[in-house]
Structure formats: C-alpha cells, structure tokens
Amino acid sequence: MSDRLDLDNPFRAEAYISAGSGEHKRIRHLLIGLHEAIIQTINDLYALGYARPDEWSEIIPAPNYPPGVMMSILSRYTEIRV
C-alpha cells in the first residue's frame, strides 16, 4: 500500500490508504455522453463548487459505446469513518 494519494492518476490500483482514525476510499465519478454534454456537466459541477474542471480526466472515447460517445473521470477520496 502507498502512503500518499496519487491524485494525478485516476486509474491507480490502490484505492485504500491508512490515515488517522479511518481509511480513505477512492470513489470515481464517470461522465459518459456527448462531448458537449460532458463539458457542460463539468462546468455545472464547478459552478456548484464541487470540482474544478482541471480535476477531471481528459475527455476520451468511451470504450464499448457507439462512436461519438465520450467519457471523463473524476477521482475523489473520502474518509470511511469507523
């Protein structure tokens, strides 16, 4: 297990780290749709104060979807309180 968060790599294998009184668990938000809809949703979430646009992955073609369907991922870590 790693002792630091790798926020630059949304596909990193480690999802848990020990920290203080609980554990941090990674959660991923996945947007799938038309390029314009993804950009609008990212901007809407930014306007709500949830995530900056630069925190999202590059918009890429979504695997196993029809041509033109794109995707972007946001990884966040949340503390699991025990």
PDB file of N, CA and C in Angstrom:
ATOM      1  N   MET A   1       0.822  -1.188   0.000  1.00  0.00           N
ATOM      2  CA  MET A   1       0.000   0.000   0.000  1.00  0.00           C
ATOM      3  C   MET A   1       0.863   1.247   0.000  1.00  0.00           C
ATOM      4  N   SER A   2       0.371   2.259  -0.655  1.00  0.00           N
ATOM      5  CA  SER A   2       1.070   3.520  -0.717  1.00  0.00           C
ATOM      6  C   SER A   2       0.718   4.367   0.499  1.00  0.00           C
ATOM      7  N   ASP A   3       1.634   5.258   0.874  1.00  0.00           N
ATOM      8  CA  ASP A   3       1.334   6.148   1.984  1.00  0.00           C
ATOM      9  C   ASP A   3       0.960   7.543   1.514  1.00  0.00           C
ATOM     10  N   ARG A   4       0.740   7.714   0.205  1.00  0.00           N
ATOM     11  CA  ARG A   4       0.313   9.018  -0.294  1.00  0.00           C
ATOM     12  C   ARG A   4      -0.732   8.828  -1.386  1.00  0.00           C
ATOM     13  N   LEU A   5      -1.547   9.839  -1.568  1.00  0.00           N
ATOM     14  CA  LEU A   5      -2.563   9.806  -2.621  1.00  0.00           C
ATOM     15  C   LEU A   5      -1.932  10.217  -3.935  1.00  0.00           C
ATOM     16  N   ASP A   6      -2.243   9.513  -4.993  1.00  0.00           N
ATOM     17  CA  ASP A   6      -1.781   9.870  -6.331  1.00  0.00           C
ATOM     18  C   ASP A   6      -2.963  10.464  -7.070  1.00  0.00           C
ATOM     19  N   LEU A   7      -3.182  11.758  -6.903  1.00  0.00           N
ATOM     20  CA  LEU A   7      -4.343  12.413  -7.490  1.00  0.00           C
ATOM     21  C   LEU A   7      -4.193  12.630  -8.986  1.00  0.00           C
ATOM     22  N   ASP A   8      -2.976  12.454  -9.507  1.00  0.00           N
ATOM     23  CA  ASP A   8      -2.749  12.659 -10.936  1.00  0.00           C
ATOM     24  C   ASP A   8      -3.078  11.424 -11.765  1.00  0.00           C
ATOM     25  N   ASN A   9      -3.327  10.299 -11.144  1.00  0.00           N
ATOM     26  CA  ASN A   9      -3.571   9.065 -11.885  1.00  0.00           C
ATOM     27  C   ASN A   9      -4.902   8.466 -11.463  1.00  0.00           C
ATOM     28  N   PRO A  10      -5.990   8.711 -12.231  1.00  0.00           N
ATOM     29  CA  PRO A  10      -7.297   8.212 -11.822  1.00  0.00           C
ATOM     30  C   PRO A  10      -7.447   6.699 -11.953  1.00  0.00           C
ATOM     31  N   PHE A  11      -6.485   6.020 -12.600  1.00  0.00           N
ATOM     32  CA  PHE A  11      -6.583   4.578 -12.799  1.00  0.00           C
ATOM     33  C   PHE A  11      -5.676   3.786 -11.863  1.00  0.00           C
ATOM     34  N   ARG A  12      -5.145   4.413 -10.858  1.00  0.00           N
ATOM     35  CA  ARG A  12      -4.233   3.757  -9.935  1.00  0.00           C
ATOM     36  C   ARG A  12      -4.918   2.600  -9.217  1.00  0.00           C
ATOM     37  N   ALA A  13      -4.206   1.514  -9.011  1.00  0.00           N
ATOM     38  CA  ALA A  13      -4.787   0.298  -8.443  1.00  0.00           C
ATOM     39  C   ALA A  13      -5.164   0.452  -6.974  1.00  0.00           C
ATOM     40  N   GLU A  14      -4.357   1.174  -6.191  1.00  0.00           N
ATOM     41  CA  GLU A  14      -4.644   1.291  -4.764  1.00  0.00           C
ATOM     42  C   GLU A  14      -5.827   2.210  -4.529  1.00  0.00           C
ATOM     43  N   ALA A  15      -6.820   1.705  -3.821  1.00  0.00           N
ATOM     44  CA  ALA A  15      -7.998   2.518  -3.542  1.00  0.00           C
ATOM     45  C   ALA A  15      -8.098   2.874  -2.064  1.00  0.00           C
ATOM     46  N   TYR A  16      -7.292   2.262  -1.229  1.00  0.00           N
ATOM     47  CA  TYR A  16      -7.366   2.497   0.205  1.00  0.00           C
ATOM     48  C   TYR A  16      -6.010   2.932   0.731  1.00  0.00           C
ATOM     49  N   ILE A  17      -6.016   3.839   1.694  1.00  0.00           N
ATOM     50  CA  ILE A  17      -4.802   4.153   2.424  1.00  0.00           C
ATOM     51  C   ILE A  17      -5.170   4.269   3.895  1.00  0.00           C
ATOM     52  N   SER A  18      -4.224   3.979   4.740  1.00  0.00           N
ATOM     53  CA  SER A  18      -4.448   4.178   6.172  1.00  0.00           C
ATOM     54  C   SER A  18      -4.202   5.642   6.483  1.00  0.00           C
ATOM     55  N   ALA A  19      -5.074   6.207   7.288  1.00  0.00           N
ATOM     56  CA  ALA A  19      -4.901   7.611   7.657  1.00  0.00           C
ATOM     57  C   ALA A  19      -5.687   7.900   8.914  1.00  0.00           C
ATOM     58  N   GLY A  20      -4.977   8.261   9.971  1.00  0.00           N
ATOM     59  CA  GLY A  20      -5.645   8.665  11.200  1.00  0.00           C
ATOM     60  C   GLY A  20      -6.589   7.617  11.739  1.00  0.00           C
ATOM     61  N   SER A  21      -7.833   8.028  12.015  1.00  0.00           N
ATOM     62  CA  SER A  21      -8.789   7.145  12.679  1.00  0.00           C
ATOM     63  C   SER A  21      -9.604   6.304  11.702  1.00  0.00           C
ATOM     64  N   GLY A  22      -9.458   6.523  10.414  1.00  0.00           N
ATOM     65  CA  GLY A  22     -10.241   5.763   9.449  1.00  0.00           C
ATOM     66  C   GLY A  22      -9.431   5.446   8.216  1.00  0.00           C
ATOM     67  N   GLU A  23     -10.091   5.040   7.179  1.00  0.00           N
ATOM     68  CA  GLU A  23      -9.431   4.780   5.914  1.00  0.00           C
ATOM     69  C   GLU A  23     -10.017   5.697   4.860  1.00  0.00           C
ATOM     70  N   HIS A  24      -9.206   6.020   3.878  1.00  0.00           N
ATOM     71  CA  HIS A  24      -9.688   6.794   2.743  1.00  0.00           C
ATOM     72  C   HIS A  24      -9.988   5.831   1.615  1.00  0.00           C
ATOM     73  N   LYS A  25     -11.126   5.981   1.007  1.00  0.00           N
ATOM     74  CA  LYS A  25     -11.521   5.120  -0.088  1.00  0.00           C
ATOM     75  C   LYS A  25     -11.775   5.976  -1.312  1.00  0.00           C
ATOM     76  N   ARG A  26     -11.271   5.492  -2.434  1.00  0.00           N
ATOM     77  CA  ARG A  26     -11.462   6.240  -3.671  1.00  0.00           C
ATOM     78  C   ARG A  26     -12.855   5.991  -4.224  1.00  0.00           C
ATOM     79  N   ILE A  27     -13.441   7.052  -4.725  1.00  0.00           N
ATOM     80  CA  ILE A  27     -14.702   6.956  -5.443  1.00  0.00           C
ATOM     81  C   ILE A  27     -14.479   7.663  -6.781  1.00  0.00           C
ATOM     82  N   ARG A  28     -15.042   7.106  -7.831  1.00  0.00           N
ATOM     83  CA  ARG A  28     -14.884   7.700  -9.162  1.00  0.00           C
ATOM     84  C   ARG A  28     -16.235   8.149  -9.678  1.00  0.00           C
ATOM     85  N   HIS A  29     -16.247   9.335 -10.230  1.00  0.00           N
ATOM     86  CA  HIS A  29     -17.425   9.853 -10.923  1.00  0.00           C
ATOM     87  C   HIS A  29     -17.126   9.694 -12.405  1.00  0.00           C
ATOM     88  N   LEU A  30     -18.015   9.080 -13.120  1.00  0.00           N
ATOM     89  CA  LEU A  30     -17.813   8.812 -14.533  1.00  0.00           C
ATOM     90  C   LEU A  30     -18.907   9.490 -15.334  1.00  0.00           C
ATOM     91  N   LEU A  31     -18.503  10.375 -16.242  1.00  0.00           N
ATOM     92  CA  LEU A  31     -19.450  11.015 -17.149  1.00  0.00           C
ATOM     93  C   LEU A  31     -19.317  10.353 -18.511  1.00  0.00           C
ATOM     94  N   ILE A  32     -20.435   9.909 -19.068  1.00  0.00           N
ATOM     95  CA  ILE A  32     -20.456   9.281 -20.388  1.00  0.00           C
ATOM     96  C   ILE A  32     -21.545   9.958 -21.203  1.00  0.00           C
ATOM     97  N   GLY A  33     -21.177  10.426 -22.383  1.00  0.00           N
ATOM     98  CA  GLY A  33     -22.167  11.079 -23.241  1.00  0.00           C
ATOM     99  C   GLY A  33     -21.492  11.848 -24.347  1.00  0.00           C
ATOM    100  N   LEU A  34     -22.232  12.755 -24.949  1.00  0.00           N
ATOM    101  CA  LEU A  34     -21.672  13.592 -25.998  1.00  0.00           C
ATOM    102  C   LEU A  34     -20.656  14.568 -25.400  1.00  0.00           C
ATOM    103  N   HIS A  35     -19.655  14.899 -26.157  1.00  0.00           N
ATOM    104  CA  HIS A  35     -18.578  15.785 -25.707  1.00  0.00           C
ATOM    105  C   HIS A  35     -19.122  17.068 -25.092  1.00  0.00           C
ATOM    106  N   GLU A  36     -20.079  17.692 -25.786  1.00  0.00           N
ATOM    107  CA  GLU A  36     -20.638  18.960 -25.308  1.00  0.00           C
ATOM    108  C   GLU A  36     -21.371  18.793 -23.976  1.00  0.00           C
ATOM    109  N   ALA A  37     -22.060  17.677 -23.806  1.00  0.00           N
ATOM    110  CA  ALA A  37     -22.786  17.426 -22.554  1.00  0.00           C
ATOM    111  C   ALA A  37     -21.817  17.196 -21.399  1.00  0.00           C
ATOM    112  N   ILE A  38     -20.713  16.537 -21.669  1.00  0.00           N
ATOM    113  CA  ILE A  38     -19.705  16.318 -20.625  1.00  0.00           C
ATOM    114  C   ILE A  38     -19.109  17.646 -20.193  1.00  0.00           C
ATOM    115  N   ILE A  39     -18.753  18.481 -21.153  1.00  0.00           N
ATOM    116  CA  ILE A  39     -18.194  19.800 -20.819  1.00  0.00           C
ATOM    117  C   ILE A  39     -19.193  20.616 -20.003  1.00  0.00           C
ATOM    118  N   GLN A  40     -20.450  20.604 -20.406  1.00  0.00           N
ATOM    119  CA  GLN A  40     -21.463  21.364 -19.666  1.00  0.00           C
ATOM    120  C   GLN A  40     -21.619  20.833 -18.237  1.00  0.00           C
ATOM    121  N   THR A  41     -21.637  19.519 -18.081  1.00  0.00           N
ATOM    122  CA  THR A  41     -21.786  18.932 -16.743  1.00  0.00           C
ATOM    123  C   THR A  41     -20.588  19.266 -15.865  1.00  0.00           C
ATOM    124  N   ILE A  42     -19.384  19.186 -16.423  1.00  0.00           N
ATOM    125  CA  ILE A  42     -18.182  19.554 -15.664  1.00  0.00           C
ATOM    126  C   ILE A  42     -18.272  21.018 -15.223  1.00  0.00           C
ATOM    127  N   ASN A  43     -18.697  21.885 -16.120  1.00  0.00           N
ATOM    128  CA  ASN A  43     -18.840  23.305 -15.768  1.00  0.00           C
ATOM    129  C   ASN A  43     -19.949  23.529 -14.738  1.00  0.00           C
ATOM    130  N   ASP A  44     -21.037  22.785 -14.849  1.00  0.00           N
ATOM    131  CA  ASP A  44     -22.123  22.897 -13.862  1.00  0.00           C
ATOM    132  C   ASP A  44     -21.644  22.463 -12.477  1.00  0.00           C
ATOM    133  N   LEU A  45     -20.894  21.367 -12.412  1.00  0.00           N
ATOM    134  CA  LEU A  45     -20.378  20.901 -11.119  1.00  0.00           C
ATOM    135  C   LEU A  45     -19.374  21.894 -10.536  1.00  0.00           C
ATOM    136  N   TYR A  46     -18.618  22.551 -11.404  1.00  0.00           N
ATOM    137  CA  TYR A  46     -17.710  23.597 -10.950  1.00  0.00           C
ATOM    138  C   TYR A  46     -18.492  24.784 -10.386  1.00  0.00           C
ATOM    139  N   ALA A  47     -19.559  25.172 -11.071  1.00  0.00           N
ATOM    140  CA  ALA A  47     -20.389  26.295 -10.610  1.00  0.00           C
ATOM    141  C   ALA A  47     -21.013  26.002  -9.248  1.00  0.00           C
ATOM    142  N   LEU A  48     -21.271  24.726  -8.976  1.00  0.00           N
ATOM    143  CA  LEU A  48     -21.813  24.326  -7.677  1.00  0.00           C
ATOM    144  C   LEU A  48     -20.733  24.200  -6.606  1.00  0.00           C
ATOM    145  N   GLY A  49     -19.474  24.361  -7.009  1.00  0.00           N
ATOM    146  CA  GLY A  49     -18.368  24.276  -6.055  1.00  0.00           C
ATOM    147  C   GLY A  49     -17.913  22.858  -5.772  1.00  0.00           C
ATOM    148  N   TYR A  50     -18.282  21.903  -6.616  1.00  0.00           N
ATOM    149  CA  TYR A  50     -17.943  20.505  -6.334  1.00  0.00           C
ATOM    150  C   TYR A  50     -16.561  20.113  -6.831  1.00  0.00           C
ATOM    151  N   ALA A  51     -16.216  20.470  -8.069  1.00  0.00           N
ATOM    152  CA  ALA A  51     -14.926  20.057  -8.626  1.00  0.00           C
ATOM    153  C   ALA A  51     -14.491  21.048  -9.697  1.00  0.00           C
ATOM    154  N   ARG A  52     -13.201  21.348  -9.707  1.00  0.00           N
ATOM    155  CA  ARG A  52     -12.656  22.213 -10.749  1.00  0.00           C
ATOM    156  C   ARG A  52     -12.567  21.436 -12.062  1.00  0.00           C
ATOM    157  N   PRO A  53     -12.714  22.095 -13.180  1.00  0.00           N
ATOM    158  CA  PRO A  53     -12.604  21.397 -14.473  1.00  0.00           C
ATOM    159  C   PRO A  53     -11.276  20.678 -14.667  1.00  0.00           C
ATOM    160  N   ASP A  54     -10.186  21.220 -14.120  1.00  0.00           N
ATOM    161  CA  ASP A  54      -8.883  20.572 -14.303  1.00  0.00           C
ATOM    162  C   ASP A  54      -8.700  19.316 -13.456  1.00  0.00           C
ATOM    163  N   GLU A  55      -9.659  19.008 -12.588  1.00  0.00           N
ATOM    164  CA  GLU A  55      -9.599  17.779 -11.801  1.00  0.00           C
ATOM    165  C   GLU A  55     -10.110  16.566 -12.591  1.00  0.00           C
ATOM    166  N   TRP A  56     -10.834  16.805 -13.664  1.00  0.00           N
ATOM    167  CA  TRP A  56     -11.385  15.732 -14.490  1.00  0.00           C
ATOM    168  C   TRP A  56     -10.322  15.221 -15.452  1.00  0.00           C
ATOM    169  N   SER A  57     -10.435  13.960 -15.816  1.00  0.00           N
ATOM    170  CA  SER A  57      -9.527  13.405 -16.810  1.00  0.00           C
ATOM    171  C   SER A  57      -9.818  14.020 -18.176  1.00  0.00           C
ATOM    172  N   GLU A  58      -8.917  13.786 -19.086  1.00  0.00           N
ATOM    173  CA  GLU A  58      -9.128  14.179 -20.471  1.00  0.00           C
ATOM    174  C   GLU A  58     -10.403  13.499 -20.985  1.00  0.00           C
ATOM    175  N   ILE A  59     -11.144  14.171 -21.833  1.00  0.00           N
ATOM    176  CA  ILE A  59     -12.336  13.570 -22.436  1.00  0.00           C
ATOM    177  C   ILE A  59     -11.874  12.675 -23.582  1.00  0.00           C
ATOM    178  N   ILE A  60     -12.210  11.399 -23.467  1.00  0.00           N
ATOM    179  CA  ILE A  60     -11.755  10.402 -24.442  1.00  0.00           C
ATOM    180  C   ILE A  60     -12.943   9.573 -24.928  1.00  0.00           C
ATOM    181  N   PRO A  61     -12.782   8.839 -26.051  1.00  0.00           N
ATOM    182  CA  PRO A  61     -13.864   7.951 -26.492  1.00  0.00           C
ATOM    183  C   PRO A  61     -14.167   6.895 -25.435  1.00  0.00           C
ATOM    184  N   ALA A  62     -15.433   6.655 -25.196  1.00  0.00           N
ATOM    185  CA  ALA A  62     -15.850   5.652 -24.213  1.00  0.00           C
ATOM    186  C   ALA A  62     -15.759   4.262 -24.840  1.00  0.00           C
ATOM    187  N   PRO A  63     -15.002   3.360 -24.213  1.00  0.00           N
ATOM    188  CA  PRO A  63     -14.909   2.013 -24.771  1.00  0.00           C
ATOM    189  C   PRO A  63     -16.253   1.293 -24.698  1.00  0.00           C
ATOM    190  N   ASN A  64     -16.511   0.456 -25.673  1.00  0.00           N
ATOM    191  CA  ASN A  64     -17.733  -0.360 -25.731  1.00  0.00           C
ATOM    192  C   ASN A  64     -19.009   0.459 -25.893  1.00  0.00           C
ATOM    193  N   TYR A  65     -18.881   1.680 -26.380  1.00  0.00           N
ATOM    194  CA  TYR A  65     -20.026   2.523 -26.695  1.00  0.00           C
ATOM    195  C   TYR A  65     -19.966   2.877 -28.183  1.00  0.00           C
ATOM    196  N   PRO A  66     -21.080   3.311 -28.758  1.00  0.00           N
ATOM    197  CA  PRO A  66     -21.067   3.702 -30.168  1.00  0.00           C
ATOM    198  C   PRO A  66     -20.100   4.860 -30.417  1.00  0.00           C
ATOM    199  N   PRO A  67     -19.636   5.022 -31.648  1.00  0.00           N
ATOM    200  CA  PRO A  67     -18.755   6.153 -31.974  1.00  0.00           C
ATOM    201  C   PRO A  67     -19.407   7.484 -31.594  1.00  0.00           C
ATOM    202  N   GLY A  68     -18.600   8.394 -31.119  1.00  0.00           N
ATOM    203  CA  GLY A  68     -19.093   9.708 -30.731  1.00  0.00           C
ATOM    204  C   GLY A  68     -19.435   9.822 -29.259  1.00  0.00           C
ATOM    205  N   VAL A  69     -19.537   8.694 -28.562  1.00  0.00           N
ATOM    206  CA  VAL A  69     -19.807   8.718 -27.127  1.00  0.00           C
ATOM    207  C   VAL A  69     -18.469   8.837 -26.408  1.00  0.00           C
ATOM    208  N   MET A  70     -18.377   9.826 -25.534  1.00  0.00           N
ATOM    209  CA  MET A  70     -17.127  10.154 -24.856  1.00  0.00           C
ATOM    210  C   MET A  70     -17.264   9.911 -23.351  1.00  0.00           C
ATOM    211  N   MET A  71     -16.121  10.019 -22.643  1.00  0.00           N
ATOM    212  CA  MET A  71     -16.147   9.847 -21.187  1.00  0.00           C
ATOM    213  C   MET A  71     -15.055  10.682 -20.531  1.00  0.00           C
ATOM    214  N   SER A  72     -15.288  11.000 -19.260  1.00  0.00           N
ATOM    215  CA  SER A  72     -14.321  11.676 -18.420  1.00  0.00           C
ATOM    216  C   SER A  72     -14.515  11.165 -16.995  1.00  0.00           C
ATOM    217  N   ILE A  73     -13.417  11.098 -16.241  1.00  0.00           N
ATOM    218  CA  ILE A  73     -13.454  10.535 -14.888  1.00  0.00           C
ATOM    219  C   ILE A  73     -12.918  11.552 -13.891  1.00  0.00           C
ATOM    220  N   LEU A  74     -13.573  11.616 -12.741  1.00  0.00           N
ATOM    221  CA  LEU A  74     -13.087  12.394 -11.603  1.00  0.00           C
ATOM    222  C   LEU A  74     -12.903  11.422 -10.452  1.00  0.00           C
ATOM    223  N   SER A  75     -11.704  11.377  -9.884  1.00  0.00           N
ATOM    224  CA  SER A  75     -11.452  10.539  -8.714  1.00  0.00           C
ATOM    225  C   SER A  75     -11.406  11.411  -7.476  1.00  0.00           C
ATOM    226  N   ARG A  76     -12.077  10.961  -6.462  1.00  0.00           N
ATOM    227  CA  ARG A  76     -12.075  11.639  -5.160  1.00  0.00           C
ATOM    228  C   ARG A  76     -11.800  10.603  -4.091  1.00  0.00           C
ATOM    229  N   TYR A  77     -11.317  11.072  -2.956  1.00  0.00           N
ATOM    230  CA  TYR A  77     -11.088  10.206  -1.817  1.00  0.00           C
ATOM    231  C   TYR A  77     -11.976  10.665  -0.680  1.00  0.00           C
ATOM    232  N   THR A  78     -12.610   9.712  -0.044  1.00  0.00           N
ATOM    233  CA  THR A  78     -13.489  10.022   1.075  1.00  0.00           C
ATOM    234  C   THR A  78     -13.065   9.197   2.267  1.00  0.00           C
ATOM    235  N   GLU A  79     -13.144   9.770   3.434  1.00  0.00           N
ATOM    236  CA  GLU A  79     -12.758   9.044   4.635  1.00  0.00           C
ATOM    237  C   GLU A  79     -13.916   8.156   5.070  1.00  0.00           C
ATOM    238  N   ILE A  80     -13.587   6.893   5.280  1.00  0.00           N
ATOM    239  CA  ILE A  80     -14.558   5.935   5.819  1.00  0.00           C
ATOM    240  C   ILE A  80     -14.399   5.961   7.322  1.00  0.00           C
ATOM    241  N   ARG A  81     -15.419   6.438   7.999  1.00  0.00           N
ATOM    242  CA  ARG A  81     -15.345   6.552   9.456  1.00  0.00           C
ATOM    243  C   ARG A  81     -15.795   5.250  10.107  1.00  0.00           C
ATOM    244  N   VAL A  82     -14.965   4.765  10.998  1.00  0.00           N
ATOM    245  CA  VAL A  82     -15.272   3.508  11.697  1.00  0.00           C
ATOM    246  C   VAL A  82     -15.464   3.724  13.168  1.00  0.00           C
TER     247      VAL A  82
END
